[in-house]
Every structure is written in C-alpha cells, then in structure tokens.
Amino acid sequence: MIPVARQWDRTHRERGEQTPPWLQLGNDTLGPGAWDERLKRGAEEFTDVNLLCVPPTNSPYRQAGILGFVFGHVWQPPD
C-alpha cells in the first residue's frame, strides 16, 4: 500500500470509522488537455499571483512544472 493510502486508512481507523474508498475523479477535472492553452493560463496566473513577468520557459521545470502544472492547473481559481 502506498504511504498516502496507509495514512488515509490509519486516520479513519483511529477515528473509529470505516475507511471509505478513494474518490474517483473524471479526466475533466485535470484541466485543459491542450498544452498551449494550459501554458497560456499558467503564464497569466503566474503574473497575476506574483506580480512578476513570466520566467523564460528554457527548462522543463519552468515550462511543464511551474507554468504548466503549478499555475496552469493547481493554482487555477474555480470556474
């Protein structure tokens, strides 16, 4: 069992609860599948949050990690 699943189970057992199944999310919750759209949204959100210019996308960390994932997916405000 992966560590997160073990902790999920342990927390519920300590509360005297039966461990519920993991929530199954649909692919539509992953945000836009088109990288161009995701990177555009990420760049806009990066600027709005940090009040800085978007960093150069000259590394996978900045492009896919920071702009594509962190700001293009995780940091998005709810619709």
Protein backbone atom coordinates (compact mmCIF):
# COMPACT_ATOMS: atom_id res chain seq x y z
CA MET A 1 0.00 0.00 0.00
CA ILE A 2 1.36 3.44 -0.86
CA PRO A 3 2.16 5.75 2.11
CA VAL A 4 -0.72 8.15 1.39
CA ALA A 5 -3.19 5.27 1.31
CA ARG A 6 -1.79 3.89 4.57
CA GLN A 7 -2.25 7.26 6.26
CA TRP A 8 -5.77 7.59 4.82
CA ASP A 9 -6.64 4.20 6.29
CA ARG A 10 -4.92 4.89 9.64
CA THR A 11 -6.66 8.24 10.11
CA HIS A 12 -10.09 6.69 9.63
CA ARG A 13 -9.34 3.69 11.83
CA GLU A 14 -8.13 5.99 14.64
CA ARG A 15 -11.43 7.86 14.40
CA GLY A 16 -13.31 4.59 14.67
CA GLU A 17 -14.59 4.97 11.12
CA GLN A 18 -14.59 2.56 8.23
CA THR A 19 -12.14 3.71 5.58
CA PRO A 20 -14.10 4.99 2.57
CA PRO A 21 -12.92 4.27 -0.97
CA TRP A 22 -10.79 6.84 -2.74
CA LEU A 23 -12.75 9.48 -4.59
CA GLN A 24 -12.65 8.77 -8.32
CA LEU A 25 -12.26 11.96 -10.33
CA GLY A 26 -13.04 12.21 -14.02
CA ASN A 27 -10.46 13.33 -16.56
CA ASP A 28 -12.40 16.58 -16.99
CA THR A 29 -11.07 17.65 -13.56
CA LEU A 30 -7.50 17.67 -14.89
CA GLY A 31 -7.92 20.99 -16.68
CA PRO A 32 -7.31 21.65 -20.35
CA GLY A 33 -5.52 18.90 -22.23
CA ALA A 34 -4.08 21.27 -24.79
CA TRP A 35 -0.61 22.33 -23.64
CA ASP A 36 -0.74 25.67 -25.42
CA GLU A 37 -3.93 26.62 -23.56
CA ARG A 38 -2.62 25.33 -20.23
CA LEU A 39 0.68 27.21 -20.60
CA LYS A 40 -1.17 30.40 -21.56
CA ARG A 41 -3.40 30.12 -18.50
CA GLY A 42 -0.36 29.31 -16.36
CA ALA A 43 1.52 32.37 -17.59
CA GLU A 44 -1.49 34.62 -16.90
CA GLU A 45 -1.98 33.19 -13.42
CA PHE A 46 1.76 33.40 -12.63
CA THR A 47 1.72 37.11 -13.47
CA ASP A 48 -1.49 37.77 -11.53
CA VAL A 49 -0.27 35.98 -8.40
CA ASN A 50 3.38 37.01 -8.34
CA LEU A 51 3.12 40.45 -9.97
CA LEU A 52 6.23 39.48 -11.96
CA CYS A 53 6.97 38.78 -15.58
CA VAL A 54 6.69 35.16 -16.64
CA PRO A 55 10.04 33.38 -16.37
CA PRO A 56 11.65 32.07 -19.56
CA THR A 57 10.48 28.57 -20.44
CA ASN A 58 14.01 27.33 -21.04
CA SER A 59 13.76 24.29 -18.77
CA PRO A 60 11.19 21.52 -18.19
CA TYR A 61 10.94 22.67 -14.56
CA ARG A 62 9.73 26.14 -15.56
CA GLN A 63 7.69 25.17 -18.61
CA ALA A 64 5.93 21.95 -17.62
CA GLY A 65 6.37 22.21 -13.85
CA ILE A 66 5.80 25.82 -12.85
CA LEU A 67 3.72 27.23 -15.71
CA GLY A 68 2.03 24.06 -16.98
CA PHE A 69 1.29 22.29 -13.72
CA VAL A 70 1.52 24.66 -10.75
CA PHE A 71 -0.03 27.75 -12.34
CA GLY A 72 -1.72 26.13 -15.35
CA HIS A 73 -3.56 23.52 -13.28
CA VAL A 74 -3.19 23.59 -9.49
CA TRP A 75 -3.36 27.34 -8.89
CA GLN A 76 -6.40 27.94 -11.08
CA PRO A 77 -9.35 29.66 -9.42
CA PRO A 78 -12.65 27.75 -9.54
CA ASP A 79 -14.87 28.45 -12.52
